[in-house]
């Protein structure tokens, strides 16, 4: 074997080793990123569940009956009686 063949063989051996190390490193990074992706998906799902729960709670707290009940109990509000209503007619502006 000549000196140039030995140098070529050594170069190719180094190239194969470096490629193998690159493949192993890439596979390692892929696994790490996949685990991070799974964690993010899990967090997203938990946030979606919480969001849906909050939407249901908001819907329950903002029903007309509940708002009216709180207005009566906490603010002392009531629907006006017939005697409490005063009708004011606007005159002028070209209308008799």
C-alpha atoms as a PDB file:
ATOM      1  CA  UNK A   1       0.000   0.000   0.000  1.00  0.00           C
ATOM      2  CA  UNK A   2       1.315   3.387  -0.930  1.00  0.00           C
ATOM      3  CA  UNK A   3       1.485   6.406   1.268  1.00  0.00           C
ATOM      4  CA  UNK A   4      -1.307   8.206  -0.654  1.00  0.00           C
ATOM      5  CA  UNK A   5      -3.590   5.163  -0.221  1.00  0.00           C
ATOM      6  CA  UNK A   6      -2.961   5.154   3.545  1.00  0.00           C
ATOM      7  CA  UNK A   7      -3.732   8.885   3.765  1.00  0.00           C
ATOM      8  CA  UNK A   8      -6.917   8.394   1.725  1.00  0.00           C
ATOM      9  CA  UNK A   9      -7.981   5.442   3.910  1.00  0.00           C
ATOM     10  CA  UNK A  10      -7.288   7.428   7.093  1.00  0.00           C
ATOM     11  CA  UNK A  11      -9.282  10.376   5.723  1.00  0.00           C
ATOM     12  CA  UNK A  12     -12.226   8.193   4.796  1.00  0.00           C
ATOM     13  CA  UNK A  13     -12.126   6.481   8.211  1.00  0.00           C
ATOM     14  CA  UNK A  14     -12.203   9.878   9.934  1.00  0.00           C
ATOM     15  CA  UNK A  15     -15.088  10.965   7.690  1.00  0.00           C
ATOM     16  CA  UNK A  16     -17.097   7.835   8.554  1.00  0.00           C
ATOM     17  CA  UNK A  17     -16.446   8.297  12.284  1.00  0.00           C
ATOM     18  CA  UNK A  18     -17.415  11.969  12.181  1.00  0.00           C
ATOM     19  CA  UNK A  19     -20.583  11.119  10.242  1.00  0.00           C
ATOM     20  CA  UNK A  20     -21.496   8.423  12.770  1.00  0.00           C
ATOM     21  CA  UNK A  21     -20.980  10.864  15.651  1.00  0.00           C
ATOM     22  CA  UNK A  22     -23.138  13.410  13.811  1.00  0.00           C
ATOM     23  CA  UNK A  23     -25.933  10.868  13.341  1.00  0.00           C
ATOM     24  CA  UNK A  24     -25.865   9.908  17.033  1.00  0.00           C
ATOM     25  CA  UNK A  25     -25.890  13.559  18.085  1.00  0.00           C
ATOM     26  CA  UNK A  26     -28.776  14.378  15.716  1.00  0.00           C
ATOM     27  CA  UNK A  27     -30.782  11.424  17.037  1.00  0.00           C
ATOM     28  CA  UNK A  28     -30.159  12.629  20.612  1.00  0.00           C
ATOM     29  CA  UNK A  29     -31.342  16.152  19.767  1.00  0.00           C
ATOM     30  CA  UNK A  30     -34.399  14.728  18.012  1.00  0.00           C
ATOM     31  CA  UNK A  31     -35.400  12.800  21.126  1.00  0.00           C
ATOM     32  CA  UNK A  32     -34.938  15.868  23.334  1.00  0.00           C
ATOM     33  CA  UNK A  33     -37.033  18.026  21.016  1.00  0.00           C
ATOM     34  CA  UNK A  34     -39.722  15.365  20.752  1.00  0.00           C
ATOM     35  CA  UNK A  35     -39.955  15.184  24.556  1.00  0.00           C
ATOM     36  CA  UNK A  36     -40.261  18.987  24.687  1.00  0.00           C
ATOM     37  CA  UNK A  37     -42.973  18.841  22.030  1.00  0.00           C
ATOM     38  CA  UNK A  38     -44.906  16.278  24.060  1.00  0.00           C
ATOM     39  CA  UNK A  39     -44.629  18.494  27.168  1.00  0.00           C
ATOM     40  CA  UNK A  40     -45.907  21.498  25.220  1.00  0.00           C
ATOM     41  CA  UNK A  41     -48.824  19.498  23.836  1.00  0.00           C
ATOM     42  CA  UNK A  42     -49.683  18.368  27.347  1.00  0.00           C
ATOM     43  CA  UNK A  43     -49.581  21.974  28.580  1.00  0.00           C
ATOM     44  CA  UNK A  44     -51.760  23.053  25.652  1.00  0.00           C
ATOM     45  CA  UNK A  45     -54.328  20.384  26.461  1.00  0.00           C
ATOM     46  CA  UNK A  46     -54.398  21.423  30.121  1.00  0.00           C
ATOM     47  CA  UNK A  47     -54.857  25.068  29.111  1.00  0.00           C
ATOM     48  CA  UNK A  48     -57.687  24.088  26.746  1.00  0.00           C
ATOM     49  CA  UNK A  49     -59.437  22.226  29.557  1.00  0.00           C
ATOM     50  CA  UNK A  50     -59.048  25.220  31.886  1.00  0.00           C
ATOM     51  CA  UNK A  51     -60.296  27.613  29.173  1.00  0.00           C
ATOM     52  CA  UNK A  52     -63.408  25.502  28.575  1.00  0.00           C
ATOM     53  CA  UNK A  53     -64.062  25.344  32.325  1.00  0.00           C
ATOM     54  CA  UNK A  54     -63.762  29.117  32.584  1.00  0.00           C
ATOM     55  CA  UNK A  55     -66.128  29.619  29.660  1.00  0.00           C
ATOM     56  CA  UNK A  56     -68.711  27.387  31.319  1.00  0.00           C
ATOM     57  CA  UNK A  57     -68.275  29.234  34.607  1.00  0.00           C
ATOM     58  CA  UNK A  58     -68.672  32.589  32.868  1.00  0.00           C
ATOM     59  CA  UNK A  59     -71.838  31.389  31.150  1.00  0.00           C
ATOM     60  CA  UNK A  60     -73.257  30.184  34.461  1.00  0.00           C
ATOM     61  CA  UNK A  61     -72.381  33.436  36.265  1.00  0.00           C
ATOM     62  CA  UNK A  62     -73.809  35.703  33.594  1.00  0.00           C
ATOM     63  CA  UNK A  63     -77.273  34.186  33.158  1.00  0.00           C
ATOM     64  CA  UNK A  64     -80.123  36.705  33.188  1.00  0.00           C
ATOM     65  CA  UNK A  65     -81.742  35.120  36.244  1.00  0.00           C
ATOM     66  CA  UNK A  66     -78.515  35.296  38.273  1.00  0.00           C
ATOM     67  CA  UNK A  67     -77.813  38.902  37.315  1.00  0.00           C
ATOM     68  CA  UNK A  68     -81.381  39.880  38.240  1.00  0.00           C
ATOM     69  CA  UNK A  69     -81.176  38.024  41.562  1.00  0.00           C
ATOM     70  CA  UNK A  70     -77.887  39.742  42.478  1.00  0.00           C
ATOM     71  CA  UNK A  71     -79.313  43.127  41.474  1.00  0.00           C
ATOM     72  CA  UNK A  72     -82.294  42.584  43.775  1.00  0.00           C
ATOM     73  CA  UNK A  73     -80.343  41.169  46.749  1.00  0.00           C
ATOM     74  CA  UNK A  74     -77.099  43.132  46.712  1.00  0.00           C
ATOM     75  CA  UNK A  75     -78.109  46.414  45.092  1.00  0.00           C
ATOM     76  CA  UNK A  76     -81.747  46.636  46.192  1.00  0.00           C
ATOM     77  CA  UNK A  77     -82.901  47.095  42.610  1.00  0.00           C
ATOM     78  CA  UNK A  78     -86.404  46.222  41.444  1.00  0.00           C
ATOM     79  CA  UNK A  79     -88.541  46.399  38.337  1.00  0.00           C
ATOM     80  CA  UNK A  80     -90.508  49.653  38.284  1.00  0.00           C
ATOM     81  CA  UNK A  81     -94.158  49.478  39.274  1.00  0.00           C
ATOM     82  CA  UNK A  82     -96.815  50.901  37.009  1.00  0.00           C
ATOM     83  CA  UNK A  83     -97.129  53.949  39.246  1.00  0.00           C
ATOM     84  CA  UNK A  84     -93.385  54.584  39.096  1.00  0.00           C
ATOM     85  CA  UNK A  85     -93.337  54.941  35.313  1.00  0.00           C
ATOM     86  CA  UNK A  86     -93.723  58.476  33.963  1.00  0.00           C
ATOM     87  CA  UNK A  87     -94.225  58.928  30.245  1.00  0.00           C
ATOM     88  CA  UNK A  88     -92.833  62.176  28.830  1.00  0.00           C
ATOM     89  CA  UNK A  89     -93.884  63.184  25.357  1.00  0.00           C
ATOM     90  CA  UNK A  90     -91.576  65.374  23.354  1.00  0.00           C
ATOM     91  CA  UNK A  91     -93.081  68.361  21.661  1.00  0.00           C
ATOM     92  CA  UNK A  92     -91.522  70.712  19.205  1.00  0.00           C
ATOM     93  CA  UNK A  93     -89.103  70.057  16.407  1.00  0.00           C
ATOM     94  CA  UNK A  94     -91.913  70.346  13.902  1.00  0.00           C
ATOM     95  CA  UNK A  95     -94.264  67.918  15.683  1.00  0.00           C
ATOM     96  CA  UNK A  96     -97.483  69.113  17.361  1.00  0.00           C
END
